[in-house]
Amino acid sequence: MNRGIWITGASSGIGKSLAIQFANKGWKVAISARREELLKEITDLNSSIKSFSLDVTNSDECLSTFSKITQDLGEIEVAVFCTGIHDPNSEKQFNLKKIKEINNVNYMGTINSINAVYEYFKTNQKGHISIVSSVAGYRGLPNAGAYCASKSALNSFAESLYFQLKPHNVGVSLVCPGFIKTPMTDQNDFPMPMIKSSEYAAEKIYDGIINKNSFEIHFPKGFTYLMKLIQLLPNWLYFGAINLGNKYMKRDK
């Protein structure tokens, strides 16, 4: 096959599992993240995976890194941007520094990454950009203001990007998982319904991009359709339901 893909946020969680999934399917895989030692552990697993350390908050570094990737791997057909952080403890307070950091990494880091591949795919008149967001972008959730806002921004941006790139034969997809067991969700101190493994997520993303050509790839369906239904609730009903749920959770602790 020898097709090429670039995955950011690949040092752990969904990004890591996705890199292994694509490599096992015969793809040449470029992975990026800040933690070089974790990237090396992944490249040791499969010779088809090559690492390129990157801080996505640096737009110039995103451009130079993608240039290195195309020089080393050749043509890149798919780019999947998984970078994301969350800090539920700091979000329990109004922490301006953390709010800026979360949005700078989750939203602007993804925009910087898209900027690195935009002209490449547009000029080639082919390719695919996949943005990993979350169902947390559907509505505002307790103790997750910055995280929800960053994911909501990605959801809207992906829709707009779809219209921009469709005339150039470049695909765009939006990935909205429910709860996936990763180092990030390990920080949560509340029950996470229908939580799935990162390997499960990787299989769903691969299928959505390669086999189904879906715009929105969301899973597990039992949970994500419930969240889509919640999107439609009037504010008074949504706020009431969430407040009631919070009271029960606090009572059970």
C-alpha atoms as a PDB file:
ATOM      1  CA  MET A   1       0.000   0.000   0.000  1.00  0.00           C
ATOM      2  CA  ASN A   2       2.703   2.500   1.073  1.00  0.00           C
ATOM      3  CA  ARG A   3       0.263   5.365   1.685  1.00  0.00           C
ATOM      4  CA  GLY A   4       1.234   8.171   4.091  1.00  0.00           C
ATOM      5  CA  ILE A   5      -0.500   9.674   7.117  1.00  0.00           C
ATOM      6  CA  TRP A   6       0.485  12.320   9.682  1.00  0.00           C
ATOM      7  CA  ILE A   7      -0.954  12.096  13.205  1.00  0.00           C
ATOM      8  CA  THR A   8      -0.447  14.726  15.906  1.00  0.00           C
ATOM      9  CA  GLY A   9      -1.030  14.172  19.606  1.00  0.00           C
ATOM     10  CA  ALA A  10       0.288  10.671  19.008  1.00  0.00           C
ATOM     11  CA  SER A  11       2.337  10.078  22.159  1.00  0.00           C
ATOM     12  CA  SER A  12      -0.574   8.474  24.014  1.00  0.00           C
ATOM     13  CA  GLY A  13      -4.293   7.765  23.943  1.00  0.00           C
ATOM     14  CA  ILE A  14      -6.251   7.872  20.694  1.00  0.00           C
ATOM     15  CA  GLY A  15      -3.334   9.254  18.664  1.00  0.00           C
ATOM     16  CA  LYS A  16      -1.025   6.435  19.699  1.00  0.00           C
ATOM     17  CA  SER A  17      -3.589   3.714  19.022  1.00  0.00           C
ATOM     18  CA  LEU A  18      -4.466   5.293  15.690  1.00  0.00           C
ATOM     19  CA  ALA A  19      -0.800   5.317  14.630  1.00  0.00           C
ATOM     20  CA  ILE A  20      -0.510   1.605  15.409  1.00  0.00           C
ATOM     21  CA  GLN A  21      -3.811   0.901  13.624  1.00  0.00           C
ATOM     22  CA  PHE A  22      -2.692   2.591  10.401  1.00  0.00           C
ATOM     23  CA  ALA A  23       0.800   1.070  10.547  1.00  0.00           C
ATOM     24  CA  ASN A  24      -0.705  -2.399  10.946  1.00  0.00           C
ATOM     25  CA  LYS A  25      -2.787  -1.710   7.831  1.00  0.00           C
ATOM     26  CA  GLY A  26       0.365  -1.026   5.819  1.00  0.00           C
ATOM     27  CA  TRP A  27       0.526   2.754   5.958  1.00  0.00           C
ATOM     28  CA  LYS A  28       3.638   4.877   6.410  1.00  0.00           C
ATOM     29  CA  VAL A  29       2.910   6.801   9.591  1.00  0.00           C
ATOM     30  CA  ALA A  30       4.416  10.080  10.795  1.00  0.00           C
ATOM     31  CA  ILE A  31       3.654  10.814  14.450  1.00  0.00           C
ATOM     32  CA  SER A  32       4.117  14.073  16.317  1.00  0.00           C
ATOM     33  CA  ALA A  33       3.904  15.243  19.919  1.00  0.00           C
ATOM     34  CA  ARG A  34       6.061  17.122  22.399  1.00  0.00           C
ATOM     35  CA  ARG A  35       7.234  14.100  24.401  1.00  0.00           C
ATOM     36  CA  GLU A  36      10.021  12.582  22.302  1.00  0.00           C
ATOM     37  CA  GLU A  37      10.656   9.679  24.673  1.00  0.00           C
ATOM     38  CA  LEU A  38       7.070   8.468  24.303  1.00  0.00           C
ATOM     39  CA  LEU A  39       7.220   8.849  20.542  1.00  0.00           C
ATOM     40  CA  LYS A  40      10.322   6.660  20.466  1.00  0.00           C
ATOM     41  CA  GLU A  41       8.501   3.924  22.367  1.00  0.00           C
ATOM     42  CA  ILE A  42       5.884   3.887  19.602  1.00  0.00           C
ATOM     43  CA  THR A  43       8.357   3.874  16.718  1.00  0.00           C
ATOM     44  CA  ASP A  44      10.049   0.887  18.342  1.00  0.00           C
ATOM     45  CA  LEU A  45       6.796  -1.040  17.939  1.00  0.00           C
ATOM     46  CA  ASN A  46       6.623  -0.769  14.155  1.00  0.00           C
ATOM     47  CA  SER A  47       9.231   0.192  11.553  1.00  0.00           C
ATOM     48  CA  SER A  48       6.516   1.901   9.478  1.00  0.00           C
ATOM     49  CA  ILE A  49       6.120   4.599  12.148  1.00  0.00           C
ATOM     50  CA  LYS A  50       8.494   7.572  12.236  1.00  0.00           C
ATOM     51  CA  SER A  51       8.465  10.308  14.875  1.00  0.00           C
ATOM     52  CA  PHE A  52       8.751  14.065  14.447  1.00  0.00           C
ATOM     53  CA  SER A  53       8.649  15.979  17.729  1.00  0.00           C
ATOM     54  CA  LEU A  54       6.419  19.042  17.616  1.00  0.00           C
ATOM     55  CA  ASP A  55       4.831  21.725  19.753  1.00  0.00           C
ATOM     56  CA  VAL A  56       1.597  22.496  17.892  1.00  0.00           C
ATOM     57  CA  THR A  57       1.288  25.902  19.554  1.00  0.00           C
ATOM     58  CA  ASN A  58       4.221  27.026  17.370  1.00  0.00           C
ATOM     59  CA  SER A  59       2.813  27.653  13.873  1.00  0.00           C
ATOM     60  CA  ASP A  60       6.251  27.930  12.229  1.00  0.00           C
ATOM     61  CA  GLU A  61       7.294  24.626  13.789  1.00  0.00           C
ATOM     62  CA  CYS A  62       4.154  22.985  12.380  1.00  0.00           C
ATOM     63  CA  LEU A  63       5.103  24.131   8.885  1.00  0.00           C
ATOM     64  CA  SER A  64       8.723  22.999   9.145  1.00  0.00           C
ATOM     65  CA  THR A  65       7.745  19.662  10.688  1.00  0.00           C
ATOM     66  CA  PHE A  66       5.316  18.857   7.897  1.00  0.00           C
ATOM     67  CA  SER A  67       7.995  19.759   5.362  1.00  0.00           C
ATOM     68  CA  LYS A  68      10.350  17.272   7.026  1.00  0.00           C
ATOM     69  CA  ILE A  69       7.636  14.621   6.989  1.00  0.00           C
ATOM     70  CA  THR A  70       6.998  14.933   3.256  1.00  0.00           C
ATOM     71  CA  GLN A  71      10.732  14.833   2.589  1.00  0.00           C
ATOM     72  CA  ASP A  72      11.154  11.646   4.646  1.00  0.00           C
ATOM     73  CA  LEU A  73       7.925   9.784   3.895  1.00  0.00           C
ATOM     74  CA  GLY A  74       6.926  11.167   0.514  1.00  0.00           C
ATOM     75  CA  GLU A  75       3.293  11.906  -0.238  1.00  0.00           C
ATOM     76  CA  ILE A  76       0.917  12.324   2.694  1.00  0.00           C
ATOM     77  CA  GLU A  77      -2.705  11.457   1.942  1.00  0.00           C
ATOM     78  CA  VAL A  78      -4.286  11.868   5.381  1.00  0.00           C
ATOM     79  CA  ALA A  79      -3.647  14.163   8.340  1.00  0.00           C
ATOM     80  CA  VAL A  80      -5.317  13.439  11.677  1.00  0.00           C
ATOM     81  CA  PHE A  81      -4.997  16.101  14.365  1.00  0.00           C
ATOM     82  CA  CYS A  82      -5.509  14.603  17.845  1.00  0.00           C
ATOM     83  CA  THR A  83      -3.714  17.081  20.088  1.00  0.00           C
ATOM     84  CA  GLY A  84      -5.687  17.902  23.207  1.00  0.00           C
ATOM     85  CA  ILE A  85      -5.356  18.674  26.919  1.00  0.00           C
ATOM     86  CA  HIS A  86      -7.800  18.997  29.799  1.00  0.00           C
ATOM     87  CA  ASP A  87      -7.410  19.835  33.471  1.00  0.00           C
ATOM     88  CA  PRO A  88     -10.669  19.168  35.354  1.00  0.00           C
ATOM     89  CA  ASN A  89      -9.196  20.240  38.688  1.00  0.00           C
ATOM     90  CA  SER A  90      -8.186  23.696  37.501  1.00  0.00           C
ATOM     91  CA  GLU A  91     -11.485  24.108  35.637  1.00  0.00           C
ATOM     92  CA  LYS A  92     -13.375  23.923  38.918  1.00  0.00           C
ATOM     93  CA  GLN A  93     -12.135  27.487  39.398  1.00  0.00           C
ATOM     94  CA  PHE A  94     -11.905  30.344  36.895  1.00  0.00           C
ATOM     95  CA  ASN A  95      -8.246  29.853  36.033  1.00  0.00           C
ATOM     96  CA  LEU A  96      -7.422  32.293  33.229  1.00  0.00           C
ATOM     97  CA  LYS A  97      -3.954  30.874  32.628  1.00  0.00           C
ATOM     98  CA  LYS A  98      -5.308  27.339  32.213  1.00  0.00           C
ATOM     99  CA  ILE A  99      -8.217  28.507  30.033  1.00  0.00           C
ATOM    100  CA  LYS A 100      -5.753  30.168  27.666  1.00  0.00           C
ATOM    101  CA  GLU A 101      -3.498  27.113  27.656  1.00  0.00           C
ATOM    102  CA  ILE A 102      -6.319  24.679  26.877  1.00  0.00           C
ATOM    103  CA  ASN A 103      -7.634  26.796  24.020  1.00  0.00           C
ATOM    104  CA  ASN A 104      -4.134  27.483  22.706  1.00  0.00           C
ATOM    105  CA  VAL A 105      -3.360  23.757  22.508  1.00  0.00           C
ATOM    106  CA  ASN A 106      -6.737  22.268  21.611  1.00  0.00           C
ATOM    107  CA  TYR A 107      -8.033  24.902  19.215  1.00  0.00           C
ATOM    108  CA  MET A 108      -5.126  26.996  17.958  1.00  0.00           C
ATOM    109  CA  GLY A 109      -2.776  23.991  18.004  1.00  0.00           C
ATOM    110  CA  THR A 110      -5.139  22.222  15.627  1.00  0.00           C
ATOM    111  CA  ILE A 111      -5.492  25.338  13.462  1.00  0.00           C
ATOM    112  CA  ASN A 112      -1.685  25.611  13.262  1.00  0.00           C
ATOM    113  CA  SER A 113      -1.534  21.979  12.173  1.00  0.00           C
ATOM    114  CA  ILE A 114      -4.235  22.485   9.535  1.00  0.00           C
ATOM    115  CA  ASN A 115      -2.345  25.521   8.273  1.00  0.00           C
ATOM    116  CA  ALA A 116       0.705  23.312   7.710  1.00  0.00           C
ATOM    117  CA  VAL A 117      -1.153  20.973   5.330  1.00  0.00           C
ATOM    118  CA  TYR A 118      -3.791  23.277   3.836  1.00  0.00           C
ATOM    119  CA  GLU A 119      -1.944  24.492   0.753  1.00  0.00           C
ATOM    120  CA  TYR A 120      -0.284  21.089   0.250  1.00  0.00           C
ATOM    121  CA  PHE A 121      -3.614  19.277  -0.070  1.00  0.00           C
ATOM    122  CA  LYS A 122      -5.278  22.138  -1.942  1.00  0.00           C
ATOM    123  CA  THR A 123      -2.489  22.281  -4.516  1.00  0.00           C
ATOM    124  CA  ASN A 124      -2.479  18.494  -4.957  1.00  0.00           C
ATOM    125  CA  GLN A 125      -6.270  18.534  -5.307  1.00  0.00           C
ATOM    126  CA  LYS A 126      -6.552  15.514  -3.023  1.00  0.00           C
ATOM    127  CA  GLY A 127      -6.069  14.479   0.592  1.00  0.00           C
ATOM    128  CA  HIS A 128      -8.013  14.283   3.823  1.00  0.00           C
ATOM    129  CA  ILE A 129      -7.938  16.285   7.072  1.00  0.00           C
ATOM    130  CA  SER A 130      -9.493  14.728  10.166  1.00  0.00           C
ATOM    131  CA  ILE A 131     -10.021  16.799  13.306  1.00  0.00           C
ATOM    132  CA  VAL A 132     -10.389  14.930  16.597  1.00  0.00           C
ATOM    133  CA  SER A 133     -12.849  16.824  18.770  1.00  0.00           C
ATOM    134  CA  SER A 134     -15.316  15.452  21.348  1.00  0.00           C
ATOM    135  CA  VAL A 135     -18.996  15.235  22.227  1.00  0.00           C
ATOM    136  CA  ALA A 136     -17.977  17.754  24.903  1.00  0.00           C
ATOM    137  CA  GLY A 137     -18.239  20.285  22.079  1.00  0.00           C
ATOM    138  CA  TYR A 138     -21.989  19.702  21.760  1.00  0.00           C
ATOM    139  CA  ARG A 139     -22.948  21.641  24.914  1.00  0.00           C
ATOM    140  CA  GLY A 140     -21.316  23.275  27.920  1.00  0.00           C
ATOM    141  CA  LEU A 141     -20.608  20.802  30.722  1.00  0.00           C
ATOM    142  CA  PRO A 142     -19.781  21.389  34.423  1.00  0.00           C
ATOM    143  CA  ASN A 143     -16.086  21.963  35.262  1.00  0.00           C
ATOM    144  CA  ALA A 144     -15.106  21.867  31.589  1.00  0.00           C
ATOM    145  CA  GLY A 145     -15.710  25.364  30.282  1.00  0.00           C
ATOM    146  CA  ALA A 146     -12.392  25.774  28.463  1.00  0.00           C
ATOM    147  CA  TYR A 147     -12.364  22.199  27.199  1.00  0.00           C
ATOM    148  CA  CYS A 148     -15.947  22.361  25.896  1.00  0.00           C
ATOM    149  CA  ALA A 149     -15.321  25.750  24.302  1.00  0.00           C
ATOM    150  CA  SER A 150     -12.199  24.514  22.505  1.00  0.00           C
ATOM    151  CA  LYS A 151     -14.030  21.454  21.165  1.00  0.00           C
ATOM    152  CA  SER A 152     -17.105  23.464  20.155  1.00  0.00           C
ATOM    153  CA  ALA A 153     -14.818  25.789  18.200  1.00  0.00           C
ATOM    154  CA  LEU A 154     -13.255  22.802  16.434  1.00  0.00           C
ATOM    155  CA  ASN A 155     -16.683  21.422  15.520  1.00  0.00           C
ATOM    156  CA  SER A 156     -17.708  24.665  13.858  1.00  0.00           C
ATOM    157  CA  PHE A 157     -14.342  25.137  12.182  1.00  0.00           C
ATOM    158  CA  ALA A 158     -14.467  21.627  10.717  1.00  0.00           C
ATOM    159  CA  GLU A 159     -17.829  22.351   9.127  1.00  0.00           C
ATOM    160  CA  SER A 160     -16.546  25.562   7.557  1.00  0.00           C
ATOM    161  CA  LEU A 161     -13.344  23.865   6.424  1.00  0.00           C
ATOM    162  CA  TYR A 162     -15.427  21.173   4.714  1.00  0.00           C
ATOM    163  CA  PHE A 163     -17.021  23.812   2.477  1.00  0.00           C
ATOM    164  CA  GLN A 164     -13.662  25.464   1.747  1.00  0.00           C
ATOM    165  CA  LEU A 165     -11.894  22.296   0.675  1.00  0.00           C
ATOM    166  CA  LYS A 166     -14.656  20.322  -1.041  1.00  0.00           C
ATOM    167  CA  PRO A 167     -14.178  22.188  -4.367  1.00  0.00           C
ATOM    168  CA  HIS A 168     -10.511  21.106  -4.248  1.00  0.00           C
ATOM    169  CA  ASN A 169     -11.322  17.409  -3.754  1.00  0.00           C
ATOM    170  CA  VAL A 170      -9.937  17.467  -0.200  1.00  0.00           C
ATOM    171  CA  GLY A 171     -11.945  15.583   2.396  1.00  0.00           C
ATOM    172  CA  VAL A 172     -12.629  16.831   5.924  1.00  0.00           C
ATOM    173  CA  SER A 173     -13.904  14.769   8.824  1.00  0.00           C
ATOM    174  CA  LEU A 174     -14.757  15.537  12.430  1.00  0.00           C
ATOM    175  CA  VAL A 175     -14.201  12.913  15.124  1.00  0.00           C
ATOM    176  CA  CYS A 176     -16.431  13.227  18.208  1.00  0.00           C
ATOM    177  CA  PRO A 177     -15.793  10.377  20.640  1.00  0.00           C
ATOM    178  CA  GLY A 178     -17.600   9.782  23.880  1.00  0.00           C
ATOM    179  CA  PHE A 179     -15.533   8.704  26.872  1.00  0.00           C
ATOM    180  CA  ILE A 180     -12.323   6.948  25.818  1.00  0.00           C
ATOM    181  CA  LYS A 181      -9.888   5.541  28.383  1.00  0.00           C
ATOM    182  CA  THR A 182      -6.746   7.647  28.023  1.00  0.00           C
ATOM    183  CA  PRO A 183      -4.325   9.412  30.391  1.00  0.00           C
ATOM    184  CA  MET A 184      -6.554  12.489  30.012  1.00  0.00           C
ATOM    185  CA  THR A 185      -9.817  10.813  31.050  1.00  0.00           C
ATOM    186  CA  ASP A 186      -7.964   9.077  33.888  1.00  0.00           C
ATOM    187  CA  GLN A 187      -8.054  12.507  35.581  1.00  0.00           C
ATOM    188  CA  ASN A 188     -11.858  12.491  35.788  1.00  0.00           C
ATOM    189  CA  ASP A 189     -13.380  11.832  39.201  1.00  0.00           C
ATOM    190  CA  PHE A 190     -16.909  10.976  38.022  1.00  0.00           C
ATOM    191  CA  PRO A 191     -18.562   7.944  36.382  1.00  0.00           C
ATOM    192  CA  MET A 192     -17.955   7.806  32.617  1.00  0.00           C
ATOM    193  CA  PRO A 193     -20.793   5.908  30.924  1.00  0.00           C
ATOM    194  CA  MET A 194     -20.016   3.553  28.026  1.00  0.00           C
ATOM    195  CA  ILE A 195     -16.282   4.278  28.255  1.00  0.00           C
ATOM    196  CA  LYS A 196     -14.272   2.517  25.528  1.00  0.00           C
ATOM    197  CA  SER A 197     -10.601   1.752  24.897  1.00  0.00           C
ATOM    198  CA  SER A 198      -8.339   3.862  22.677  1.00  0.00           C
ATOM    199  CA  GLU A 199      -7.968   0.805  20.409  1.00  0.00           C
ATOM    200  CA  TYR A 200     -11.746   0.786  19.921  1.00  0.00           C
ATOM    201  CA  ALA A 201     -11.594   4.483  19.036  1.00  0.00           C
ATOM    202  CA  ALA A 202      -8.785   3.882  16.535  1.00  0.00           C
ATOM    203  CA  GLU A 203     -10.790   1.190  14.753  1.00  0.00           C
ATOM    204  CA  LYS A 204     -13.819   3.473  14.470  1.00  0.00           C
ATOM    205  CA  ILE A 205     -11.754   6.402  13.176  1.00  0.00           C
ATOM    206  CA  TYR A 206      -9.948   4.244  10.614  1.00  0.00           C
ATOM    207  CA  ASP A 207     -13.254   2.838   9.378  1.00  0.00           C
ATOM    208  CA  GLY A 208     -14.849   6.281   9.211  1.00  0.00           C
ATOM    209  CA  ILE A 209     -12.007   7.866   7.245  1.00  0.00           C
ATOM    210  CA  ILE A 210     -10.986   5.019   4.954  1.00  0.00           C
ATOM    211  CA  ASN A 211     -14.089   2.908   4.415  1.00  0.00           C
ATOM    212  CA  LYS A 212     -17.098   5.145   5.036  1.00  0.00           C
ATOM    213  CA  ASN A 213     -15.828   8.598   4.056  1.00  0.00           C
ATOM    214  CA  SER A 214     -17.962  10.060   6.857  1.00  0.00           C
ATOM    215  CA  PHE A 215     -17.943  13.728   7.833  1.00  0.00           C
ATOM    216  CA  GLU A 216     -18.710  13.143  11.503  1.00  0.00           C
ATOM    217  CA  ILE A 217     -17.269  10.014  13.052  1.00  0.00           C
ATOM    218  CA  HIS A 218     -18.865   9.579  16.478  1.00  0.00           C
ATOM    219  CA  PHE A 219     -18.846   6.661  18.870  1.00  0.00           C
ATOM    220  CA  PRO A 220     -19.992   4.727  20.809  1.00  0.00           C
ATOM    221  CA  LYS A 221     -23.323   5.334  19.095  1.00  0.00           C
ATOM    222  CA  GLY A 222     -25.460   4.593  22.165  1.00  0.00           C
ATOM    223  CA  PHE A 223     -23.782   7.458  24.014  1.00  0.00           C
ATOM    224  CA  THR A 224     -23.200   9.910  21.172  1.00  0.00           C
ATOM    225  CA  TYR A 225     -26.813   9.781  19.948  1.00  0.00           C
ATOM    226  CA  LEU A 226     -27.906  10.531  23.505  1.00  0.00           C
ATOM    227  CA  MET A 227     -25.595  13.550  23.521  1.00  0.00           C
ATOM    228  CA  LYS A 228     -27.015  14.677  20.178  1.00  0.00           C
ATOM    229  CA  LEU A 229     -30.492  14.461  21.659  1.00  0.00           C
ATOM    230  CA  ILE A 230     -29.338  16.543  24.626  1.00  0.00           C
ATOM    231  CA  GLN A 231     -28.182  19.196  22.131  1.00  0.00           C
ATOM    232  CA  LEU A 232     -31.810  19.692  21.155  1.00  0.00           C
ATOM    233  CA  LEU A 233     -33.115  20.263  24.677  1.00  0.00           C
ATOM    234  CA  PRO A 234     -34.239  23.789  25.605  1.00  0.00           C
ATOM    235  CA  ASN A 235     -31.884  25.456  28.068  1.00  0.00           C
ATOM    236  CA  TRP A 236     -34.270  25.271  31.031  1.00  0.00           C
ATOM    237  CA  LEU A 237     -34.601  21.512  30.641  1.00  0.00           C
ATOM    238  CA  TYR A 238     -30.899  20.940  29.966  1.00  0.00           C
ATOM    239  CA  PHE A 239     -29.757  23.027  32.956  1.00  0.00           C
ATOM    240  CA  GLY A 240     -32.320  21.373  35.206  1.00  0.00           C
ATOM    241  CA  ALA A 241     -31.261  17.864  34.191  1.00  0.00           C
ATOM    242  CA  ILE A 242     -27.545  18.587  34.669  1.00  0.00           C
ATOM    243  CA  ASN A 243     -28.103  20.273  38.043  1.00  0.00           C
ATOM    244  CA  LEU A 244     -30.158  17.304  39.185  1.00  0.00           C
ATOM    245  CA  GLY A 245     -27.458  14.897  38.025  1.00  0.00           C
ATOM    246  CA  ASN A 246     -24.801  16.876  39.911  1.00  0.00           C
ATOM    247  CA  LYS A 247     -26.826  16.685  43.122  1.00  0.00           C
ATOM    248  CA  TYR A 248     -27.094  12.890  42.871  1.00  0.00           C
ATOM    249  CA  MET A 249     -23.370  12.545  42.152  1.00  0.00           C
ATOM    250  CA  LYS A 250     -22.445  14.688  45.162  1.00  0.00           C
ATOM    251  CA  ARG A 251     -24.835  12.749  47.374  1.00  0.00           C
ATOM    252  CA  ASP A 252     -23.267   9.414  46.341  1.00  0.00           C
ATOM    253  CA  LYS A 253     -19.700  10.509  47.163  1.00  0.00           C
END
